[in-house]
C-alpha atoms as a PDB file:
ATOM      1  CA  UNK A   1       0.000   0.000   0.000  1.00  0.00           C
ATOM      2  CA  UNK A   2       1.208   3.486  -0.827  1.00  0.00           C
ATOM      3  CA  UNK A   3       0.440   6.760   0.937  1.00  0.00           C
ATOM      4  CA  UNK A   4       1.323  10.340   0.104  1.00  0.00           C
ATOM      5  CA  UNK A   5       4.291  11.546   2.178  1.00  0.00           C
ATOM      6  CA  UNK A   6       3.913  15.268   2.857  1.00  0.00           C
ATOM      7  CA  UNK A   7       7.638  15.647   3.525  1.00  0.00           C
ATOM      8  CA  UNK A   8       8.809  14.212   0.200  1.00  0.00           C
ATOM      9  CA  UNK A   9       5.596  15.096  -1.675  1.00  0.00           C
ATOM     10  CA  UNK A  10       5.336  11.729  -3.344  1.00  0.00           C
ATOM     11  CA  UNK A  11       3.677   8.363  -2.829  1.00  0.00           C
ATOM     12  CA  UNK A  12       5.707   5.841  -0.879  1.00  0.00           C
ATOM     13  CA  UNK A  13       5.226   2.325   0.419  1.00  0.00           C
ATOM     14  CA  UNK A  14       3.766   2.227   3.923  1.00  0.00           C
ATOM     15  CA  UNK A  15       5.836  -0.291   5.852  1.00  0.00           C
ATOM     16  CA  UNK A  16       5.031  -0.956   9.540  1.00  0.00           C
ATOM     17  CA  UNK A  17       7.914  -0.821  11.975  1.00  0.00           C
ATOM     18  CA  UNK A  18       6.372  -3.724  13.855  1.00  0.00           C
ATOM     19  CA  UNK A  19       5.214  -6.455  11.455  1.00  0.00           C
ATOM     20  CA  UNK A  20       1.440  -6.703  11.445  1.00  0.00           C
ATOM     21  CA  UNK A  21       0.827  -3.694  13.686  1.00  0.00           C
ATOM     22  CA  UNK A  22       0.154   0.034  13.434  1.00  0.00           C
ATOM     23  CA  UNK A  23      -0.358   2.630  16.155  1.00  0.00           C
ATOM     24  CA  UNK A  24      -2.033   5.889  15.192  1.00  0.00           C
ATOM     25  CA  UNK A  25      -2.421   9.084  17.200  1.00  0.00           C
ATOM     26  CA  UNK A  26      -4.930  11.456  15.613  1.00  0.00           C
ATOM     27  CA  UNK A  27      -5.515  14.968  16.925  1.00  0.00           C
ATOM     28  CA  UNK A  28      -9.140  15.407  17.976  1.00  0.00           C
ATOM     29  CA  UNK A  29     -11.414  18.436  18.511  1.00  0.00           C
ATOM     30  CA  UNK A  30     -11.175  21.370  20.882  1.00  0.00           C
ATOM     31  CA  UNK A  31     -14.529  21.014  22.576  1.00  0.00           C
ATOM     32  CA  UNK A  32     -15.914  24.540  22.889  1.00  0.00           C
ATOM     33  CA  UNK A  33     -18.548  24.267  20.144  1.00  0.00           C
ATOM     34  CA  UNK A  34     -20.236  21.841  17.765  1.00  0.00           C
ATOM     35  CA  UNK A  35     -17.991  20.239  15.151  1.00  0.00           C
ATOM     36  CA  UNK A  36     -18.294  21.488  11.566  1.00  0.00           C
ATOM     37  CA  UNK A  37     -17.598  19.995   8.150  1.00  0.00           C
ATOM     38  CA  UNK A  38     -13.895  20.813   8.389  1.00  0.00           C
ATOM     39  CA  UNK A  39     -13.668  18.845  11.648  1.00  0.00           C
ATOM     40  CA  UNK A  40     -15.577  15.964  10.087  1.00  0.00           C
ATOM     41  CA  UNK A  41     -13.178  15.444   7.201  1.00  0.00           C
ATOM     42  CA  UNK A  42     -10.201  14.089   9.215  1.00  0.00           C
ATOM     43  CA  UNK A  43     -12.588  11.999  11.310  1.00  0.00           C
ATOM     44  CA  UNK A  44     -13.809  10.232   8.195  1.00  0.00           C
ATOM     45  CA  UNK A  45     -10.353  10.027   6.556  1.00  0.00           C
ATOM     46  CA  UNK A  46      -8.666   8.351   9.493  1.00  0.00           C
ATOM     47  CA  UNK A  47     -11.685   6.162  10.218  1.00  0.00           C
ATOM     48  CA  UNK A  48     -11.476   4.810   6.668  1.00  0.00           C
ATOM     49  CA  UNK A  49      -7.684   4.437   6.977  1.00  0.00           C
ATOM     50  CA  UNK A  50      -8.016   2.530  10.238  1.00  0.00           C
ATOM     51  CA  UNK A  51     -10.742   0.259   8.867  1.00  0.00           C
ATOM     52  CA  UNK A  52      -8.720  -0.483   5.754  1.00  0.00           C
ATOM     53  CA  UNK A  53      -5.622  -1.413   7.755  1.00  0.00           C
ATOM     54  CA  UNK A  54      -7.748  -3.753   9.842  1.00  0.00           C
ATOM     55  CA  UNK A  55      -9.310  -5.171   6.685  1.00  0.00           C
ATOM     56  CA  UNK A  56      -5.798  -5.913   5.446  1.00  0.00           C
ATOM     57  CA  UNK A  57      -5.185  -7.890   8.625  1.00  0.00           C
ATOM     58  CA  UNK A  58      -3.175  -5.401  10.676  1.00  0.00           C
ATOM     59  CA  UNK A  59      -3.609  -4.884  14.397  1.00  0.00           C
ATOM     60  CA  UNK A  60      -4.401  -1.186  14.868  1.00  0.00           C
ATOM     61  CA  UNK A  61      -4.275   0.813  18.100  1.00  0.00           C
ATOM     62  CA  UNK A  62      -6.057   4.117  17.490  1.00  0.00           C
ATOM     63  CA  UNK A  63      -5.786   7.080  19.877  1.00  0.00           C
ATOM     64  CA  UNK A  64      -7.711  10.341  19.428  1.00  0.00           C
ATOM     65  CA  UNK A  65      -7.713  13.123  21.990  1.00  0.00           C
ATOM     66  CA  UNK A  66     -10.050  15.803  23.243  1.00  0.00           C
ATOM     67  CA  UNK A  67      -8.624  19.253  23.984  1.00  0.00           C
ATOM     68  CA  UNK A  68     -10.715  20.083  27.044  1.00  0.00           C
ATOM     69  CA  UNK A  69      -8.863  23.196  28.286  1.00  0.00           C
ATOM     70  CA  UNK A  70      -8.192  26.103  25.949  1.00  0.00           C
ATOM     71  CA  UNK A  71      -8.668  29.856  25.626  1.00  0.00           C
ATOM     72  CA  UNK A  72     -11.808  29.315  23.504  1.00  0.00           C
ATOM     73  CA  UNK A  73     -13.292  26.956  26.088  1.00  0.00           C
ATOM     74  CA  UNK A  74     -12.660  29.472  28.876  1.00  0.00           C
ATOM     75  CA  UNK A  75     -14.181  32.248  26.764  1.00  0.00           C
ATOM     76  CA  UNK A  76     -17.304  30.178  26.077  1.00  0.00           C
ATOM     77  CA  UNK A  77     -17.602  29.291  29.775  1.00  0.00           C
ATOM     78  CA  UNK A  78     -17.452  32.978  30.725  1.00  0.00           C
ATOM     79  CA  UNK A  79     -20.087  33.811  28.100  1.00  0.00           C
ATOM     80  CA  UNK A  80     -22.436  31.135  29.438  1.00  0.00           C
ATOM     81  CA  UNK A  81     -21.700  31.812  33.109  1.00  0.00           C
ATOM     82  CA  UNK A  82     -20.313  28.360  33.820  1.00  0.00           C
ATOM     83  CA  UNK A  83     -16.932  26.595  34.077  1.00  0.00           C
ATOM     84  CA  UNK A  84     -14.605  25.037  31.538  1.00  0.00           C
ATOM     85  CA  UNK A  85     -15.413  21.477  32.586  1.00  0.00           C
ATOM     86  CA  UNK A  86     -19.145  21.918  32.002  1.00  0.00           C
ATOM     87  CA  UNK A  87     -18.475  23.344  28.545  1.00  0.00           C
ATOM     88  CA  UNK A  88     -16.013  20.640  27.518  1.00  0.00           C
ATOM     89  CA  UNK A  89     -18.215  17.788  28.739  1.00  0.00           C
ATOM     90  CA  UNK A  90     -21.229  19.264  26.961  1.00  0.00           C
ATOM     91  CA  UNK A  91     -19.481  19.426  23.606  1.00  0.00           C
ATOM     92  CA  UNK A  92     -17.810  16.041  24.002  1.00  0.00           C
ATOM     93  CA  UNK A  93     -21.323  14.599  24.219  1.00  0.00           C
ATOM     94  CA  UNK A  94     -22.331  16.588  21.144  1.00  0.00           C
ATOM     95  CA  UNK A  95     -19.243  15.280  19.362  1.00  0.00           C
ATOM     96  CA  UNK A  96     -20.303  11.692  20.058  1.00  0.00           C
ATOM     97  CA  UNK A  97     -23.718  12.387  18.518  1.00  0.00           C
ATOM     98  CA  UNK A  98     -22.190  13.757  15.328  1.00  0.00           C
ATOM     99  CA  UNK A  99     -19.450  11.118  15.070  1.00  0.00           C
ATOM    100  CA  UNK A 100     -21.972   8.338  15.590  1.00  0.00           C
ATOM    101  CA  UNK A 101     -24.156   9.932  12.921  1.00  0.00           C
ATOM    102  CA  UNK A 102     -21.225   9.747  10.508  1.00  0.00           C
ATOM    103  CA  UNK A 103     -20.684   6.090  11.492  1.00  0.00           C
ATOM    104  CA  UNK A 104     -17.174   6.935  12.696  1.00  0.00           C
ATOM    105  CA  UNK A 105     -15.908   4.265  15.072  1.00  0.00           C
ATOM    106  CA  UNK A 106     -14.695   5.346  18.478  1.00  0.00           C
ATOM    107  CA  UNK A 107     -10.970   5.228  19.123  1.00  0.00           C
ATOM    108  CA  UNK A 108      -9.421   2.609  21.373  1.00  0.00           C
ATOM    109  CA  UNK A 109      -8.385   5.462  23.691  1.00  0.00           C
ATOM    110  CA  UNK A 110      -9.861   8.981  23.920  1.00  0.00           C
ATOM    111  CA  UNK A 111      -7.558  10.892  26.304  1.00  0.00           C
ATOM    112  CA  UNK A 112      -8.188  14.444  27.474  1.00  0.00           C
ATOM    113  CA  UNK A 113      -5.577  17.170  27.789  1.00  0.00           C
ATOM    114  CA  UNK A 114      -6.458  17.687  31.462  1.00  0.00           C
ATOM    115  CA  UNK A 115      -5.676  14.021  32.158  1.00  0.00           C
ATOM    116  CA  UNK A 116      -2.021  14.391  31.143  1.00  0.00           C
ATOM    117  CA  UNK A 117      -1.123  17.641  32.846  1.00  0.00           C
ATOM    118  CA  UNK A 118       1.740  16.023  34.759  1.00  0.00           C
ATOM    119  CA  UNK A 119       3.131  14.698  31.463  1.00  0.00           C
ATOM    120  CA  UNK A 120       2.838  18.152  29.863  1.00  0.00           C
ATOM    121  CA  UNK A 121       4.677  19.802  32.757  1.00  0.00           C
ATOM    122  CA  UNK A 122       7.379  17.141  32.657  1.00  0.00           C
ATOM    123  CA  UNK A 123       7.991  17.654  28.921  1.00  0.00           C
ATOM    124  CA  UNK A 124       8.084  21.443  29.262  1.00  0.00           C
ATOM    125  CA  UNK A 125      10.581  21.252  32.119  1.00  0.00           C
ATOM    126  CA  UNK A 126      12.811  18.969  30.045  1.00  0.00           C
ATOM    127  CA  UNK A 127      12.694  21.450  27.155  1.00  0.00           C
ATOM    128  CA  UNK A 128      13.686  24.255  29.545  1.00  0.00           C
ATOM    129  CA  UNK A 129      16.540  22.160  30.969  1.00  0.00           C
ATOM    130  CA  UNK A 130      17.847  21.478  27.451  1.00  0.00           C
ATOM    131  CA  UNK A 131      17.647  25.111  26.350  1.00  0.00           C
ATOM    132  CA  UNK A 132      14.718  24.663  23.961  1.00  0.00           C
ATOM    133  CA  UNK A 133      12.295  26.748  26.040  1.00  0.00           C
ATOM    134  CA  UNK A 134      12.371  29.678  28.450  1.00  0.00           C
ATOM    135  CA  UNK A 135      10.234  31.199  31.188  1.00  0.00           C
ATOM    136  CA  UNK A 136       9.264  34.880  31.085  1.00  0.00           C
ATOM    137  CA  UNK A 137       8.518  37.129  34.035  1.00  0.00           C
ATOM    138  CA  UNK A 138       4.741  36.562  34.112  1.00  0.00           C
ATOM    139  CA  UNK A 139       5.079  32.736  34.208  1.00  0.00           C
ATOM    140  CA  UNK A 140       4.495  32.013  30.524  1.00  0.00           C
ATOM    141  CA  UNK A 141       6.836  29.463  28.929  1.00  0.00           C
ATOM    142  CA  UNK A 142       7.828  29.692  25.248  1.00  0.00           C
ATOM    143  CA  UNK A 143       9.413  27.221  22.852  1.00  0.00           C
ATOM    144  CA  UNK A 144      12.520  28.463  20.994  1.00  0.00           C
ATOM    145  CA  UNK A 145      11.741  27.631  17.370  1.00  0.00           C
ATOM    146  CA  UNK A 146      15.255  28.541  16.237  1.00  0.00           C
ATOM    147  CA  UNK A 147      16.604  25.700  18.416  1.00  0.00           C
ATOM    148  CA  UNK A 148      14.744  23.089  16.352  1.00  0.00           C
ATOM    149  CA  UNK A 149      16.683  22.145  13.241  1.00  0.00           C
ATOM    150  CA  UNK A 150      14.430  21.689  10.245  1.00  0.00           C
ATOM    151  CA  UNK A 151      11.508  23.584  11.798  1.00  0.00           C
ATOM    152  CA  UNK A 152       8.885  24.090   9.072  1.00  0.00           C
ATOM    153  CA  UNK A 153      10.343  21.596   6.611  1.00  0.00           C
ATOM    154  CA  UNK A 154       7.230  19.425   6.499  1.00  0.00           C
ATOM    155  CA  UNK A 155       5.179  22.399   5.311  1.00  0.00           C
ATOM    156  CA  UNK A 156       8.136  23.311   3.031  1.00  0.00           C
ATOM    157  CA  UNK A 157       8.374  26.755   4.613  1.00  0.00           C
ATOM    158  CA  UNK A 158      11.841  27.738   5.843  1.00  0.00           C
ATOM    159  CA  UNK A 159      12.006  29.464   9.208  1.00  0.00           C
ATOM    160  CA  UNK A 160      12.993  32.799   7.686  1.00  0.00           C
ATOM    161  CA  UNK A 161       9.854  32.771   5.508  1.00  0.00           C
ATOM    162  CA  UNK A 162       7.657  31.905   8.464  1.00  0.00           C
ATOM    163  CA  UNK A 163       9.228  34.732  10.469  1.00  0.00           C
ATOM    164  CA  UNK A 164       8.234  37.256   7.822  1.00  0.00           C
ATOM    165  CA  UNK A 165       4.567  36.982   8.804  1.00  0.00           C
ATOM    166  CA  UNK A 166       5.059  36.464  12.535  1.00  0.00           C
ATOM    167  CA  UNK A 167       4.535  39.103  15.196  1.00  0.00           C
ATOM    168  CA  UNK A 168       4.535  39.630  18.939  1.00  0.00           C
ATOM    169  CA  UNK A 169       1.042  40.484  20.171  1.00  0.00           C
ATOM    170  CA  UNK A 170       0.315  42.984  22.924  1.00  0.00           C
ATOM    171  CA  UNK A 171       0.955  41.370  26.297  1.00  0.00           C
ATOM    172  CA  UNK A 172       3.275  38.684  24.972  1.00  0.00           C
ATOM    173  CA  UNK A 173       6.784  38.592  26.418  1.00  0.00           C
ATOM    174  CA  UNK A 174       8.404  36.117  24.040  1.00  0.00           C
ATOM    175  CA  UNK A 175      11.869  36.849  22.706  1.00  0.00           C
ATOM    176  CA  UNK A 176      11.221  36.124  19.031  1.00  0.00           C
ATOM    177  CA  UNK A 177       8.019  36.385  16.944  1.00  0.00           C
ATOM    178  CA  UNK A 178       8.128  32.692  15.954  1.00  0.00           C
ATOM    179  CA  UNK A 179       8.415  31.389  19.514  1.00  0.00           C
ATOM    180  CA  UNK A 180       5.141  29.882  20.739  1.00  0.00           C
ATOM    181  CA  UNK A 181       3.563  29.321  24.156  1.00  0.00           C
ATOM    182  CA  UNK A 182       4.015  25.966  25.857  1.00  0.00           C
ATOM    183  CA  UNK A 183       2.508  27.192  29.132  1.00  0.00           C
ATOM    184  CA  UNK A 184       0.230  30.164  29.791  1.00  0.00           C
ATOM    185  CA  UNK A 185       0.067  31.886  33.167  1.00  0.00           C
ATOM    186  CA  UNK A 186      -3.482  31.980  34.543  1.00  0.00           C
ATOM    187  CA  UNK A 187      -5.371  35.259  34.629  1.00  0.00           C
ATOM    188  CA  UNK A 188      -7.559  36.100  37.664  1.00  0.00           C
ATOM    189  CA  UNK A 189     -10.593  33.819  37.851  1.00  0.00           C
ATOM    190  CA  UNK A 190      -9.290  31.317  35.272  1.00  0.00           C
ATOM    191  CA  UNK A 191      -8.801  27.594  35.958  1.00  0.00           C
ATOM    192  CA  UNK A 192      -5.194  26.669  36.563  1.00  0.00           C
ATOM    193  CA  UNK A 193      -2.748  23.908  37.419  1.00  0.00           C
ATOM    194  CA  UNK A 194       0.250  24.228  39.688  1.00  0.00           C
ATOM    195  CA  UNK A 195       3.604  24.084  37.949  1.00  0.00           C
ATOM    196  CA  UNK A 196       7.251  24.968  38.640  1.00  0.00           C
ATOM    197  CA  UNK A 197       6.581  28.304  36.867  1.00  0.00           C
ATOM    198  CA  UNK A 198       3.399  29.233  38.706  1.00  0.00           C
ATOM    199  CA  UNK A 199      -0.324  28.761  38.167  1.00  0.00           C
ATOM    200  CA  UNK A 200      -1.338  28.233  34.561  1.00  0.00           C
ATOM    201  CA  UNK A 201      -2.387  25.865  31.795  1.00  0.00           C
ATOM    202  CA  UNK A 202      -0.767  24.396  28.691  1.00  0.00           C
ATOM    203  CA  UNK A 203      -0.461  26.111  25.352  1.00  0.00           C
ATOM    204  CA  UNK A 204      -2.160  24.475  22.407  1.00  0.00           C
ATOM    205  CA  UNK A 205       0.995  22.977  20.859  1.00  0.00           C
ATOM    206  CA  UNK A 206       2.281  20.735  23.637  1.00  0.00           C
ATOM    207  CA  UNK A 207      -0.668  18.560  24.671  1.00  0.00           C
ATOM    208  CA  UNK A 208      -0.563  16.135  21.732  1.00  0.00           C
ATOM    209  CA  UNK A 209       3.114  15.462  22.423  1.00  0.00           C
ATOM    210  CA  UNK A 210       2.178  14.538  25.993  1.00  0.00           C
ATOM    211  CA  UNK A 211      -0.782  12.347  25.080  1.00  0.00           C
ATOM    212  CA  UNK A 212       1.196  10.598  22.361  1.00  0.00           C
ATOM    213  CA  UNK A 213       4.017   9.928  24.819  1.00  0.00           C
ATOM    214  CA  UNK A 214       1.686   8.507  27.456  1.00  0.00           C
ATOM    215  CA  UNK A 215      -0.632   6.411  25.316  1.00  0.00           C
ATOM    216  CA  UNK A 216       1.454   5.435  22.292  1.00  0.00           C
ATOM    217  CA  UNK A 217       5.159   5.475  23.186  1.00  0.00           C
ATOM    218  CA  UNK A 218       7.216   3.928  25.950  1.00  0.00           C
ATOM    219  CA  UNK A 219       8.660   7.085  27.509  1.00  0.00           C
ATOM    220  CA  UNK A 220       9.312   7.095  31.231  1.00  0.00           C
ATOM    221  CA  UNK A 221       6.435   8.175  33.511  1.00  0.00           C
ATOM    222  CA  UNK A 222       6.268  11.706  34.824  1.00  0.00           C
ATOM    223  CA  UNK A 223       7.563  12.560  38.282  1.00  0.00           C
ATOM    224  CA  UNK A 224       5.351  15.645  38.644  1.00  0.00           C
ATOM    225  CA  UNK A 225       1.808  15.473  40.024  1.00  0.00           C
ATOM    226  CA  UNK A 226      -0.500  18.076  38.485  1.00  0.00           C
ATOM    227  CA  UNK A 227      -3.104  19.772  40.654  1.00  0.00           C
ATOM    228  CA  UNK A 228      -6.063  21.462  38.975  1.00  0.00           C
ATOM    229  CA  UNK A 229      -7.802  24.369  40.659  1.00  0.00           C
ATOM    230  CA  UNK A 230     -10.572  26.809  39.857  1.00  0.00           C
ATOM    231  CA  UNK A 231     -11.667  29.808  41.866  1.00  0.00           C
ATOM    232  CA  UNK A 232     -14.287  27.697  43.694  1.00  0.00           C
ATOM    233  CA  UNK A 233     -13.036  24.111  43.739  1.00  0.00           C
ATOM    234  CA  UNK A 234      -9.946  21.913  43.840  1.00  0.00           C
ATOM    235  CA  UNK A 235      -9.311  18.611  42.137  1.00  0.00           C
ATOM    236  CA  UNK A 236      -6.133  16.597  42.557  1.00  0.00           C
ATOM    237  CA  UNK A 237      -5.055  13.815  40.230  1.00  0.00           C
ATOM    238  CA  UNK A 238      -2.019  11.625  40.625  1.00  0.00           C
ATOM    239  CA  UNK A 239      -0.597   9.351  38.035  1.00  0.00           C
ATOM    240  CA  UNK A 240      -0.203   5.749  39.138  1.00  0.00           C
ATOM    241  CA  UNK A 241      -0.350   3.781  35.914  1.00  0.00           C
ATOM    242  CA  UNK A 242       2.664   2.337  34.230  1.00  0.00           C
ATOM    243  CA  UNK A 243       2.879   1.877  30.469  1.00  0.00           C
ATOM    244  CA  UNK A 244       1.137  -1.323  29.432  1.00  0.00           C
ATOM    245  CA  UNK A 245       2.383  -3.787  26.884  1.00  0.00           C
ATOM    246  CA  UNK A 246       0.084  -2.192  24.355  1.00  0.00           C
ATOM    247  CA  UNK A 247       1.819   1.193  24.719  1.00  0.00           C
ATOM    248  CA  UNK A 248       5.475   0.302  24.970  1.00  0.00           C
ATOM    249  CA  UNK A 249       6.633   0.898  21.416  1.00  0.00           C
ATOM    250  CA  UNK A 250       8.202   4.076  20.148  1.00  0.00           C
ATOM    251  CA  UNK A 251       6.453   6.044  17.447  1.00  0.00           C
ATOM    252  CA  UNK A 252       7.436   8.398  14.712  1.00  0.00           C
ATOM    253  CA  UNK A 253       5.563  11.635  14.720  1.00  0.00           C
ATOM    254  CA  UNK A 254       3.870  13.238  11.747  1.00  0.00           C
ATOM    255  CA  UNK A 255       2.501  16.345  13.384  1.00  0.00           C
ATOM    256  CA  UNK A 256      -0.679  15.606  15.315  1.00  0.00           C
ATOM    257  CA  UNK A 257      -0.902  12.191  13.703  1.00  0.00           C
ATOM    258  CA  UNK A 258       1.545   9.510  14.721  1.00  0.00           C
ATOM    259  CA  UNK A 259       2.291   6.180  13.057  1.00  0.00           C
ATOM    260  CA  UNK A 260       3.954   3.356  14.923  1.00  0.00           C
ATOM    261  CA  UNK A 261       7.648   2.608  15.059  1.00  0.00           C
ATOM    262  CA  UNK A 262       9.761   0.294  17.168  1.00  0.00           C
ATOM    263  CA  UNK A 263      12.712   2.667  17.319  1.00  0.00           C
ATOM    264  CA  UNK A 264      13.126   6.101  18.817  1.00  0.00           C
ATOM    265  CA  UNK A 265      12.773   9.315  16.878  1.00  0.00           C
ATOM    266  CA  UNK A 266      14.063  12.856  17.256  1.00  0.00           C
ATOM    267  CA  UNK A 267      11.037  15.097  17.118  1.00  0.00           C
ATOM    268  CA  UNK A 268      10.109  18.647  18.017  1.00  0.00           C
ATOM    269  CA  UNK A 269       9.061  19.775  20.485  1.00  0.00           C
ATOM    270  CA  UNK A 270       9.125  16.482  22.423  1.00  0.00           C
ATOM    271  CA  UNK A 271      12.587  15.923  23.906  1.00  0.00           C
ATOM    272  CA  UNK A 272      12.385  12.275  24.844  1.00  0.00           C
ATOM    273  CA  UNK A 273      13.889  10.472  21.871  1.00  0.00           C
ATOM    274  CA  UNK A 274      17.418  10.975  20.668  1.00  0.00           C
ATOM    275  CA  UNK A 275      18.105   8.711  17.697  1.00  0.00           C
ATOM    276  CA  UNK A 276      16.635   8.665  14.221  1.00  0.00           C
ATOM    277  CA  UNK A 277      14.560   5.759  12.980  1.00  0.00           C
ATOM    278  CA  UNK A 278      15.139   3.730   9.868  1.00  0.00           C
ATOM    279  CA  UNK A 279      12.295   2.884   7.539  1.00  0.00           C
ATOM    280  CA  UNK A 280      11.028   3.621   4.073  1.00  0.00           C
ATOM    281  CA  UNK A 281       9.166   6.678   5.306  1.00  0.00           C
ATOM    282  CA  UNK A 282      11.388   9.711   6.080  1.00  0.00           C
ATOM    283  CA  UNK A 283      10.929  11.385   9.451  1.00  0.00           C
ATOM    284  CA  UNK A 284       8.290  14.128   9.534  1.00  0.00           C
ATOM    285  CA  UNK A 285       8.170  17.020  11.973  1.00  0.00           C
ATOM    286  CA  UNK A 286       5.063  19.076  11.478  1.00  0.00           C
ATOM    287  CA  UNK A 287       1.867  18.047   9.731  1.00  0.00           C
ATOM    288  CA  UNK A 288       0.188  14.714   9.153  1.00  0.00           C
ATOM    289  CA  UNK A 289       0.556  12.872   5.858  1.00  0.00           C
ATOM    290  CA  UNK A 290      -2.672  12.224   3.982  1.00  0.00           C
ATOM    291  CA  UNK A 291      -3.857   8.889   2.677  1.00  0.00           C
ATOM    292  CA  UNK A 292      -3.621   8.350  -1.040  1.00  0.00           C
END
């Protein structure tokens, strides 16, 4: 079977790293509203892809997340006079209605961003320790895009071209326009989690790295326990699980979508793997490849 490789822009043979097995991580919706036709397209594409792999006799482990904490979710909660959890749970239920209506099968695992907060914090701290991220005075943490070799190559946009359209918005303290937020300091009245850099929540870019690491790869467990708080309640979650046999293989990352591999991979922004993998598909670092 051949698929279109976004990095090389040509069709290539899809060869599993583990014979007879694929693991797929597919980025799911940010649940602040009903899904629309643009959201439905990848649902259908990857559902068909998964079904076809199974039809061909492969064992497929399929993971799709829910982003259940985000600026848009907080904004919607404020507009409706409720909290982020009520909003996210409401639109997760609406998502199920629409996905079931499209006859899209449910993933084997549907993790939420708020369930991997300790993993997110652990990854961010590692990036800081390795010089790939920095903390600013208000508690925000930014990723240093210039520290990632090959940044933008999957979209075939060199960093200097991407920088031409980048800017620093009012209130942002990042050093360079292309740097992006890994952690956002909480504003008064917003939900937050405790971290080494103060109260806050993750930026949009980092959560899929954390969920992929926990549910698809065999990275070591986090040593940080995340504590979620709102202005009126407190919820504490500790991580006690260890990676199961079904989640102990490394994966190569193709943006928000990850295909399985038995070897480690160097990917951005996740710092865990250090060696390149060998296969017929070149390593991708930004966007998911489409099925052809």
